[in-house]
PDB file of N, CA and C in Angstrom:
ATOM      1  N   MET A   1      64.973  63.157 163.205  1.00  0.00           N
ATOM      2  CA  MET A   1      65.993  63.310 162.187  1.00  0.00           C
ATOM      3  C   MET A   1      67.261  62.536 162.552  1.00  0.00           C
ATOM      4  N   LYS A   2      67.579  62.499 163.859  1.00  0.00           N
ATOM      5  CA  LYS A   2      68.754  61.749 164.292  1.00  0.00           C
ATOM      6  C   LYS A   2      68.583  60.262 163.979  1.00  0.00           C
ATOM      7  N   ARG A   3      67.377  59.788 164.125  1.00  0.00           N
ATOM      8  CA  ARG A   3      67.091  58.379 163.867  1.00  0.00           C
ATOM      9  C   ARG A   3      67.369  58.052 162.389  1.00  0.00           C
ATOM     10  N   PHE A   4      66.983  58.955 161.510  1.00  0.00           N
ATOM     11  CA  PHE A   4      67.220  58.772 160.080  1.00  0.00           C
ATOM     12  C   PHE A   4      68.713  58.672 159.794  1.00  0.00           C
ATOM     13  N   TRP A   5      69.520  59.559 160.354  1.00  0.00           N
ATOM     14  CA  TRP A   5      70.954  59.550 160.086  1.00  0.00           C
ATOM     15  C   TRP A   5      71.630  58.321 160.692  1.00  0.00           C
ATOM     16  N   LYS A   6      71.116  57.836 161.808  1.00  0.00           N
ATOM     17  CA  LYS A   6      71.643  56.583 162.364  1.00  0.00           C
ATOM     18  C   LYS A   6      71.358  55.430 161.415  1.00  0.00           C
ATOM     19  N   TRP A   7      70.162  55.428 160.838  1.00  0.00           N
ATOM     20  CA  TRP A   7      69.790  54.382 159.892  1.00  0.00           C
ATOM     21  C   TRP A   7      70.682  54.441 158.647  1.00  0.00           C
ATOM     22  N   VAL A   8      70.919  55.657 158.142  1.00  0.00           N
ATOM     23  CA  VAL A   8      71.781  55.838 156.965  1.00  0.00           C
ATOM     24  C   VAL A   8      73.201  55.371 157.286  1.00  0.00           C
ATOM     25  N   GLY A   9      73.709  55.746 158.442  1.00  0.00           N
ATOM     26  CA  GLY A   9      75.054  55.333 158.833  1.00  0.00           C
ATOM     27  C   GLY A   9      75.175  53.826 158.963  1.00  0.00           C
ATOM     28  N   ALA A  10      74.170  53.195 159.550  1.00  0.00           N
ATOM     29  CA  ALA A  10      74.188  51.740 159.701  1.00  0.00           C
ATOM     30  C   ALA A  10      74.115  51.065 158.336  1.00  0.00           C
ATOM     31  N   THR A  11      73.313  51.589 157.435  1.00  0.00           N
ATOM     32  CA  THR A  11      73.190  51.018 156.092  1.00  0.00           C
ATOM     33  C   THR A  11      74.504  51.122 155.333  1.00  0.00           C
ATOM     34  N   VAL A  12      75.151  52.255 155.423  1.00  0.00           N
ATOM     35  CA  VAL A  12      76.448  52.441 154.753  1.00  0.00           C
ATOM     36  C   VAL A  12      77.483  51.491 155.344  1.00  0.00           C
ATOM     37  N   ALA A  13      77.477  51.324 156.639  1.00  0.00           N
ATOM     38  CA  ALA A  13      78.426  50.424 157.294  1.00  0.00           C
ATOM     39  C   ALA A  13      78.206  48.985 156.837  1.00  0.00           C
ATOM     40  N   VAL A  14      76.959  48.562 156.737  1.00  0.00           N
ATOM     41  CA  VAL A  14      76.663  47.197 156.305  1.00  0.00           C
ATOM     42  C   VAL A  14      77.086  47.004 154.849  1.00  0.00           C
ATOM     43  N   LEU A  15      76.803  47.972 153.995  1.00  0.00           N
ATOM     44  CA  LEU A  15      77.209  47.866 152.600  1.00  0.00           C
ATOM     45  C   LEU A  15      78.725  47.825 152.448  1.00  0.00           C
ATOM     46  N   ALA A  16      79.433  48.612 153.232  1.00  0.00           N
ATOM     47  CA  ALA A  16      80.896  48.598 153.195  1.00  0.00           C
ATOM     48  C   ALA A  16      81.433  47.242 153.651  1.00  0.00           C
ATOM     49  N   LEU A  17      80.837  46.683 154.680  1.00  0.00           N
ATOM     50  CA  LEU A  17      81.244  45.371 155.184  1.00  0.00           C
ATOM     51  C   LEU A  17      80.995  44.293 154.133  1.00  0.00           C
ATOM     52  N   LEU A  18      79.858  44.351 153.454  1.00  0.00           N
ATOM     53  CA  LEU A  18      79.558  43.385 152.398  1.00  0.00           C
ATOM     54  C   LEU A  18      80.535  43.522 151.230  1.00  0.00           C
ATOM     55  N   ALA A  19      80.914  44.738 150.891  1.00  0.00           N
ATOM     56  CA  ALA A  19      81.872  44.953 149.808  1.00  0.00           C
ATOM     57  C   ALA A  19      83.239  44.375 150.160  1.00  0.00           C
ATOM     58  N   VAL A  20      83.677  44.582 151.378  1.00  0.00           N
ATOM     59  CA  VAL A  20      84.966  44.032 151.821  1.00  0.00           C
ATOM     60  C   VAL A  20      84.912  42.506 151.826  1.00  0.00           C
ATOM     61  N   ALA A  21      83.810  41.945 152.296  1.00  0.00           N
ATOM     62  CA  ALA A  21      83.658  40.485 152.306  1.00  0.00           C
ATOM     63  C   ALA A  21      83.689  39.937 150.882  1.00  0.00           C
ATOM     64  N   ALA A  22      83.046  40.615 149.944  1.00  0.00           N
ATOM     65  CA  ALA A  22      83.043  40.159 148.554  1.00  0.00           C
ATOM     66  C   ALA A  22      84.450  40.186 147.966  1.00  0.00           C
ATOM     67  N   VAL A  23      85.211  41.231 148.263  1.00  0.00           N
ATOM     68  CA  VAL A  23      86.584  41.339 147.760  1.00  0.00           C
ATOM     69  C   VAL A  23      87.436  40.196 148.298  1.00  0.00           C
ATOM     70  N   LEU A  24      87.203  39.780 149.519  1.00  0.00           N
ATOM     71  CA  LEU A  24      87.985  38.705 150.121  1.00  0.00           C
ATOM     72  C   LEU A  24      87.549  37.324 149.646  1.00  0.00           C
ATOM     73  N   VAL A  25      86.273  37.149 149.331  1.00  0.00           N
ATOM     74  CA  VAL A  25      85.733  35.829 149.009  1.00  0.00           C
ATOM     75  C   VAL A  25      85.804  35.504 147.519  1.00  0.00           C
ATOM     76  N   ILE A  26      85.678  36.491 146.646  1.00  0.00           N
ATOM     77  CA  ILE A  26      85.605  36.252 145.203  1.00  0.00           C
ATOM     78  C   ILE A  26      86.773  35.413 144.676  1.00  0.00           C
ATOM     79  N   PRO A  27      88.021  35.670 145.036  1.00  0.00           N
ATOM     80  CA  PRO A  27      89.107  34.833 144.502  1.00  0.00           C
ATOM     81  C   PRO A  27      88.978  33.354 144.851  1.00  0.00           C
ATOM     82  N   PHE A  28      88.425  33.029 146.006  1.00  0.00           N
ATOM     83  CA  PHE A  28      88.267  31.631 146.391  1.00  0.00           C
ATOM     84  C   PHE A  28      87.104  30.970 145.657  1.00  0.00           C
ATOM     85  N   VAL A  29      86.050  31.713 145.396  1.00  0.00           N
ATOM     86  CA  VAL A  29      84.883  31.166 144.712  1.00  0.00           C
ATOM     87  C   VAL A  29      85.193  30.902 143.247  1.00  0.00           C
ATOM     88  N   VAL A  30      85.926  31.805 142.607  1.00  0.00           N
ATOM     89  CA  VAL A  30      86.224  31.650 141.188  1.00  0.00           C
ATOM     90  C   VAL A  30      87.174  30.491 140.953  1.00  0.00           C
ATOM     91  N   GLY A  31      87.978  30.133 141.925  1.00  0.00           N
ATOM     92  CA  GLY A  31      88.926  29.040 141.771  1.00  0.00           C
ATOM     93  C   GLY A  31      88.333  27.655 141.902  1.00  0.00           C
ATOM     94  N   THR A  32      87.056  27.530 142.159  1.00  0.00           N
ATOM     95  CA  THR A  32      86.444  26.215 142.318  1.00  0.00           C
ATOM     96  C   THR A  32      86.369  25.505 140.967  1.00  0.00           C
ATOM     97  N   PRO A  33      86.408  24.173 140.962  1.00  0.00           N
ATOM     98  CA  PRO A  33      86.373  23.436 139.692  1.00  0.00           C
ATOM     99  C   PRO A  33      85.129  23.729 138.845  1.00  0.00           C
ATOM    100  N   ARG A  34      84.015  23.937 139.479  1.00  0.00           N
ATOM    101  CA  ARG A  34      82.779  24.214 138.737  1.00  0.00           C
ATOM    102  C   ARG A  34      82.889  25.534 137.961  1.00  0.00           C
ATOM    103  N   VAL A  35      83.429  26.548 138.599  1.00  0.00           N
ATOM    104  CA  VAL A  35      83.582  27.847 137.939  1.00  0.00           C
ATOM    105  C   VAL A  35      84.667  27.769 136.872  1.00  0.00           C
ATOM    106  N   ARG A  36      85.741  27.034 137.160  1.00  0.00           N
ATOM    107  CA  ARG A  36      86.807  26.872 136.164  1.00  0.00           C
ATOM    108  C   ARG A  36      86.272  26.191 134.912  1.00  0.00           C
ATOM    109  N   ALA A  37      85.428  25.185 135.081  1.00  0.00           N
ATOM    110  CA  ALA A  37      84.833  24.500 133.932  1.00  0.00           C
ATOM    111  C   ALA A  37      83.922  25.441 133.147  1.00  0.00           C
ATOM    112  N   ALA A  38      83.180  26.274 133.851  1.00  0.00           N
ATOM    113  CA  ALA A  38      82.296  27.229 133.176  1.00  0.00           C
ATOM    114  C   ALA A  38      83.104  28.253 132.382  1.00  0.00           C
ATOM    115  N   ILE A  39      84.225  28.695 132.920  1.00  0.00           N
ATOM    116  CA  ILE A  39      85.080  29.645 132.210  1.00  0.00           C
ATOM    117  C   ILE A  39      85.658  28.995 130.956  1.00  0.00           C
ATOM    118  N   ALA A  40      86.126  27.757 131.075  1.00  0.00           N
ATOM    119  CA  ALA A  40      86.675  27.050 129.912  1.00  0.00           C
ATOM    120  C   ALA A  40      85.599  26.832 128.853  1.00  0.00           C
ATOM    121  N   ARG A  41      84.400  26.475 129.282  1.00  0.00           N
ATOM    122  CA  ARG A  41      83.293  26.258 128.344  1.00  0.00           C
ATOM    123  C   ARG A  41      82.924  27.553 127.611  1.00  0.00           C
ATOM    124  N   ALA A  42      82.844  28.662 128.352  1.00  0.00           N
ATOM    125  CA  ALA A  42      82.509  29.946 127.738  1.00  0.00           C
ATOM    126  C   ALA A  42      83.602  30.386 126.765  1.00  0.00           C
ATOM    127  N   ALA A  43      84.857  30.188 127.139  1.00  0.00           N
ATOM    128  CA  ALA A  43      85.957  30.556 126.250  1.00  0.00           C
ATOM    129  C   ALA A  43      85.942  29.689 124.989  1.00  0.00           C
ATOM    130  N   SER A  44      85.642  28.404 125.129  1.00  0.00           N
ATOM    131  CA  SER A  44      85.568  27.503 123.979  1.00  0.00           C
ATOM    132  C   SER A  44      84.471  27.928 123.017  1.00  0.00           C
ATOM    133  N   GLN A  45      83.334  28.305 123.552  1.00  0.00           N
ATOM    134  CA  GLN A  45      82.234  28.764 122.704  1.00  0.00           C
ATOM    135  C   GLN A  45      82.588  30.082 122.026  1.00  0.00           C
ATOM    136  N   ALA A  46      83.311  30.947 122.708  1.00  0.00           N
ATOM    137  CA  ALA A  46      83.656  32.258 122.150  1.00  0.00           C
ATOM    138  C   ALA A  46      84.615  32.139 120.966  1.00  0.00           C
ATOM    139  N   VAL A  47      85.588  31.232 121.061  1.00  0.00           N
ATOM    140  CA  VAL A  47      86.575  31.118 119.985  1.00  0.00           C
ATOM    141  C   VAL A  47      86.251  30.008 118.989  1.00  0.00           C
ATOM    142  N   GLY A  48      85.290  29.163 119.306  1.00  0.00           N
ATOM    143  CA  GLY A  48      84.878  28.122 118.379  1.00  0.00           C
ATOM    144  C   GLY A  48      85.765  26.894 118.351  1.00  0.00           C
ATOM    145  N   ARG A  49      86.597  26.701 119.348  1.00  0.00           N
ATOM    146  CA  ARG A  49      87.431  25.501 119.458  1.00  0.00           C
ATOM    147  C   ARG A  49      87.764  25.260 120.927  1.00  0.00           C
ATOM    148  N   PRO A  50      88.175  24.052 121.271  1.00  0.00           N
ATOM    149  CA  PRO A  50      88.418  23.728 122.685  1.00  0.00           C
ATOM    150  C   PRO A  50      89.513  24.590 123.323  1.00  0.00           C
ATOM    151  N   VAL A  51      89.236  25.034 124.543  1.00  0.00           N
ATOM    152  CA  VAL A  51      90.171  25.835 125.330  1.00  0.00           C
ATOM    153  C   VAL A  51      90.429  25.099 126.637  1.00  0.00           C
ATOM    154  N   THR A  52      91.687  24.963 127.000  1.00  0.00           N
ATOM    155  CA  THR A  52      92.049  24.367 128.288  1.00  0.00           C
ATOM    156  C   THR A  52      93.069  25.262 128.973  1.00  0.00           C
ATOM    157  N   PHE A  53      93.130  25.144 130.293  1.00  0.00           N
ATOM    158  CA  PHE A  53      94.144  25.858 131.069  1.00  0.00           C
ATOM    159  C   PHE A  53      94.435  25.055 132.314  1.00  0.00           C
ATOM    160  N   THR A  54      95.639  25.247 132.858  1.00  0.00           N
ATOM    161  CA  THR A  54      96.056  24.457 134.014  1.00  0.00           C
ATOM    162  C   THR A  54      95.669  25.100 135.331  1.00  0.00           C
ATOM    163  N   ALA A  55      95.660  26.421 135.385  1.00  0.00           N
ATOM    164  CA  ALA A  55      95.335  27.116 136.630  1.00  0.00           C
ATOM    165  C   ALA A  55      94.815  28.500 136.308  1.00  0.00           C
ATOM    166  N   LEU A  56      94.158  29.108 137.288  1.00  0.00           N
ATOM    167  CA  LEU A  56      93.734  30.476 137.126  1.00  0.00           C
ATOM    168  C   LEU A  56      93.955  31.218 138.421  1.00  0.00           C
ATOM    169  N   SER A  57      94.223  32.519 138.280  1.00  0.00           N
ATOM    170  CA  SER A  57      94.391  33.358 139.458  1.00  0.00           C
ATOM    171  C   SER A  57      93.490  34.575 139.303  1.00  0.00           C
ATOM    172  N   VAL A  58      92.954  35.011 140.423  1.00  0.00           N
ATOM    173  CA  VAL A  58      92.022  36.129 140.432  1.00  0.00           C
ATOM    174  C   VAL A  58      92.551  37.197 141.368  1.00  0.00           C
ATOM    175  N   THR A  59      92.533  38.441 140.902  1.00  0.00           N
ATOM    176  CA  THR A  59      92.855  39.575 141.758  1.00  0.00           C
ATOM    177  C   THR A  59      91.704  40.570 141.668  1.00  0.00           C
ATOM    178  N   VAL A  60      91.373  41.142 142.781  1.00  0.00           N
ATOM    179  CA  VAL A  60      90.293  42.123 142.823  1.00  0.00           C
ATOM    180  C   VAL A  60      90.867  43.531 142.933  1.00  0.00           C
ATOM    181  N   LEU A  61      91.912  43.672 143.705  1.00  0.00           N
ATOM    182  CA  LEU A  61      92.533  44.984 143.897  1.00  0.00           C
ATOM    183  C   LEU A  61      93.963  44.944 143.418  1.00  0.00           C
ATOM    184  N   PRO A  62      94.537  45.925 142.842  1.00  0.00           N
ATOM    185  CA  PRO A  62      94.002  47.233 142.518  1.00  0.00           C
ATOM    186  C   PRO A  62      93.109  47.215 141.280  1.00  0.00           C
ATOM    187  N   ASP A  63      93.339  46.262 140.347  1.00  0.00           N
ATOM    188  CA  ASP A  63      92.503  46.148 139.160  1.00  0.00           C
ATOM    189  C   ASP A  63      91.923  44.743 139.103  1.00  0.00           C
ATOM    190  N   PRO A  64      90.614  44.607 138.966  1.00  0.00           N
ATOM    191  CA  PRO A  64      90.029  43.266 138.873  1.00  0.00           C
ATOM    192  C   PRO A  64      90.531  42.548 137.612  1.00  0.00           C
ATOM    193  N   SER A  65      91.009  41.318 137.802  1.00  0.00           N
ATOM    194  CA  SER A  65      91.480  40.562 136.649  1.00  0.00           C
ATOM    195  C   SER A  65      91.445  39.069 136.943  1.00  0.00           C
ATOM    196  N   ILE A  66      91.348  38.304 135.875  1.00  0.00           N
ATOM    197  CA  ILE A  66      91.447  36.844 135.939  1.00  0.00           C
ATOM    198  C   ILE A  66      92.543  36.459 134.964  1.00  0.00           C
ATOM    199  N   ARG A  67      93.511  35.694 135.434  1.00  0.00           N
ATOM    200  CA  ARG A  67      94.606  35.239 134.583  1.00  0.00           C
ATOM    201  C   ARG A  67      94.531  33.729 134.440  1.00  0.00           C
ATOM    202  N   LEU A  68      94.596  33.269 133.203  1.00  0.00           N
ATOM    203  CA  LEU A  68      94.591  31.844 132.918  1.00  0.00           C
ATOM    204  C   LEU A  68      96.028  31.410 132.663  1.00  0.00           C
ATOM    205  N   HIS A  69      96.500  30.430 133.412  1.00  0.00           N
ATOM    206  CA  HIS A  69      97.867  29.928 133.290  1.00  0.00           C
ATOM    207  C   HIS A  69      97.842  28.607 132.526  1.00  0.00           C
ATOM    208  N   GLY A  70      98.812  28.411 131.674  1.00  0.00           N
ATOM    209  CA  GLY A  70      98.873  27.183 130.879  1.00  0.00           C
ATOM    210  C   GLY A  70      97.745  27.112 129.864  1.00  0.00           C
ATOM    211  N   LEU A  71      97.401  28.244 129.286  1.00  0.00           N
ATOM    212  CA  LEU A  71      96.295  28.320 128.337  1.00  0.00           C
ATOM    213  C   LEU A  71      96.664  27.622 127.035  1.00  0.00           C
ATOM    214  N   ALA A  72      95.747  26.784 126.536  1.00  0.00           N
ATOM    215  CA  ALA A  72      95.960  26.083 125.269  1.00  0.00           C
ATOM    216  C   ALA A  72      94.686  26.123 124.447  1.00  0.00           C
ATOM    217  N   LEU A  73      94.843  26.500 123.183  1.00  0.00           N
ATOM    218  CA  LEU A  73      93.742  26.482 122.219  1.00  0.00           C
ATOM    219  C   LEU A  73      93.990  25.343 121.243  1.00  0.00           C
ATOM    220  N   ALA A  74      92.947  24.571 120.954  1.00  0.00           N
ATOM    221  CA  ALA A  74      93.083  23.490 119.981  1.00  0.00           C
ATOM    222  C   ALA A  74      93.213  24.088 118.586  1.00  0.00           C
ATOM    223  N   ASP A  75      93.799  23.318 117.676  1.00  0.00           N
ATOM    224  CA  ASP A  75      93.911  23.780 116.294  1.00  0.00           C
ATOM    225  C   ASP A  75      92.530  23.974 115.696  1.00  0.00           C
ATOM    226  N   ALA A  76      92.440  24.921 114.806  1.00  0.00           N
ATOM    227  CA  ALA A  76      91.195  25.136 114.080  1.00  0.00           C
ATOM    228  C   ALA A  76      90.929  23.920 113.198  1.00  0.00           C
ATOM    229  N   PRO A  77      89.684  23.560 112.968  1.00  0.00           N
ATOM    230  CA  PRO A  77      89.374  22.373 112.158  1.00  0.00           C
ATOM    231  C   PRO A  77      89.975  22.422 110.754  1.00  0.00           C
ATOM    232  N   ASP A  78      90.134  23.597 110.179  1.00  0.00           N
ATOM    233  CA  ASP A  78      90.713  23.708 108.835  1.00  0.00           C
ATOM    234  C   ASP A  78      92.184  23.291 108.801  1.00  0.00           C
ATOM    235  N   PHE A  79      92.875  23.393 109.918  1.00  0.00           N
ATOM    236  CA  PHE A  79      94.290  23.045 109.961  1.00  0.00           C
ATOM    237  C   PHE A  79      94.519  21.586 110.340  1.00  0.00           C
ATOM    238  N   ALA A  80      93.463  20.869 110.681  1.00  0.00           N
ATOM    239  CA  ALA A  80      93.606  19.484 111.145  1.00  0.00           C
ATOM    240  C   ALA A  80      93.888  18.533 109.994  1.00  0.00           C
ATOM    241  N   THR A  81      93.421  18.834 108.799  1.00  0.00           N
ATOM    242  CA  THR A  81      93.627  17.933 107.673  1.00  0.00           C
ATOM    243  C   THR A  81      94.728  18.488 106.773  1.00  0.00           C
ATOM    244  N   PRO A  82      95.559  17.606 106.218  1.00  0.00           N
ATOM    245  CA  PRO A  82      96.617  18.081 105.314  1.00  0.00           C
ATOM    246  C   PRO A  82      96.016  18.564 103.991  1.00  0.00           C
ATOM    247  N   PRO A  83      96.705  19.463 103.318  1.00  0.00           N
ATOM    248  CA  PRO A  83      96.175  19.958 102.038  1.00  0.00           C
ATOM    249  C   PRO A  83      96.152  18.834 100.988  1.00  0.00           C
ATOM    250  N   PRO A  84      95.148  18.845 100.116  1.00  0.00           N
ATOM    251  CA  PRO A  84      95.039  17.760  99.100  1.00  0.00           C
ATOM    252  C   PRO A  84      95.919  18.017  97.889  1.00  0.00           C
ATOM    253  N   PHE A  85      97.195  17.666  97.942  1.00  0.00           N
ATOM    254  CA  PHE A  85      98.104  17.834  96.784  1.00  0.00           C
ATOM    255  C   PHE A  85      98.203  16.560  96.042  1.00  0.00           C
TER     256      PHE A  85
END
């Protein structure tokens, strides 16, 4: 029985270590150009027009969030042409 509890304790310790490592690494991984391009592409598809941003910041604690700085949405296609008067 002691062997079982040692195994459980070791498993919990490893999972806790992996969670801490993920909290420390996630902000650096999300800031890579490849991930930034994927975020811009997904946002563009969601709103139906081009989305650009200059920078992004990621926080994991206390509340997980991603902030896009310098966010710009292109004009909707209906607003691109002048009205036919």
